[in-house]
Amino acid sequence: METRRLRLLLELSRLGSMHAVAQALNVTTSTVSQQIAVLAKEVGATLVEPDGRRVRLTPAGRRLAAHALVILTAVEAARADLDPAAEAAGTLRVAGFATAIRRSLLPIIDDLAVTHPRIRLIVHEYEPAESLEMLATDDVDLALIYDYNLAPASVDPAVESIPLWTAAWALGVPIAEADAVSGTSREVFARFRDADWIVNSRNTADENVIRTVASMADFRPRIAHQVDTLELVQDLIVAGLGVGLLPAAGATLLGVGLLPLTDPDITLRSYAMARRGRTDWPPLALVLGALARQTPDRKAAVSPR
């Protein structure tokens, strides 16, 4: 098997169409089709099958694509070892939450465009559970996720994790009630035991945190609203419809007060995740290295949604 054919198959598994592979690698679509047909004869298995007007990998094709990634990673590592000046190239697929993409990934993309123009990044915005599922099924190469110290994420041992930044969170309440209480997180929560609570509609982590602290304060929170953005959380708070978690250092609307939460603190933690055995692939290694150089304990003033 020639490595160039394996690369075509790998890119097809990543990009989903022969036309997209042809564009990414600057060849014709017919060349992609012909070379994958040759590869199928070499391995004695059907690698692609029709899927409407497109094609998709067969189970044998997906298995060979997984082998291709390992093989091509080893080949590129060997080239880099013998020729440190060799340029990394390939398509890197990333799934992550919006703030991590803006805060951690976009600066790296800007740098790579100058230093490694043959690396192409494809970005998908997803919540942590969705990103980790895509990583597990090999639909992405890198996942940017978050959890909370009081609701840690469950991560597959087959995944490597790099801590990024952290952010303290507070309780957002109507401004008229912001001076009515102080103290520990349990005391602050207890003050709003009869309030409606607002949580994320796409992820259960903040709801788990709210339920955990509420249980410490000996009550069960009434979860009334599930929304996708923190801007809408603030709108609901201003309208007097409930209370909810917000970044402690974030900007707030007029009418929203932030109550500090301590003992226990509530801290959002962000991570970069990649599958073990894949991190030596040069495009992924470059991005992971750049992420690792970002100060892990730097406090973020932005939100995950």
Foldseek 3Di string as FASTA:
>chain_A
DDLVLLQLLLVCQQPVFLCVSCVLVVHDSVVSVVSVVVVCVVVVHQAWDDDPPGIDGDPVSVVSSVVSLLVVLVVVVVCCVVPVPDAAADEAEEEEFDVCCVPQNPVVVVVCCPVHVRYHYDYHYAAQVVRLVCQVVVNGFKYKYKAKPQQDDDHDPQKDKAWFEKFFKFKKAFPVCQPVDADAQLRVLLVCLVFEEEEAPRDCRQVSVSQVSPVVNPHGHHHDYHYHDVVVQLVCRQVVRGMYMDTPLEDHDPGIDTHAHVPPTIMMIMIMMGGPSNCSNVVNVSSVVSRNPRDNHDYDNDDRD
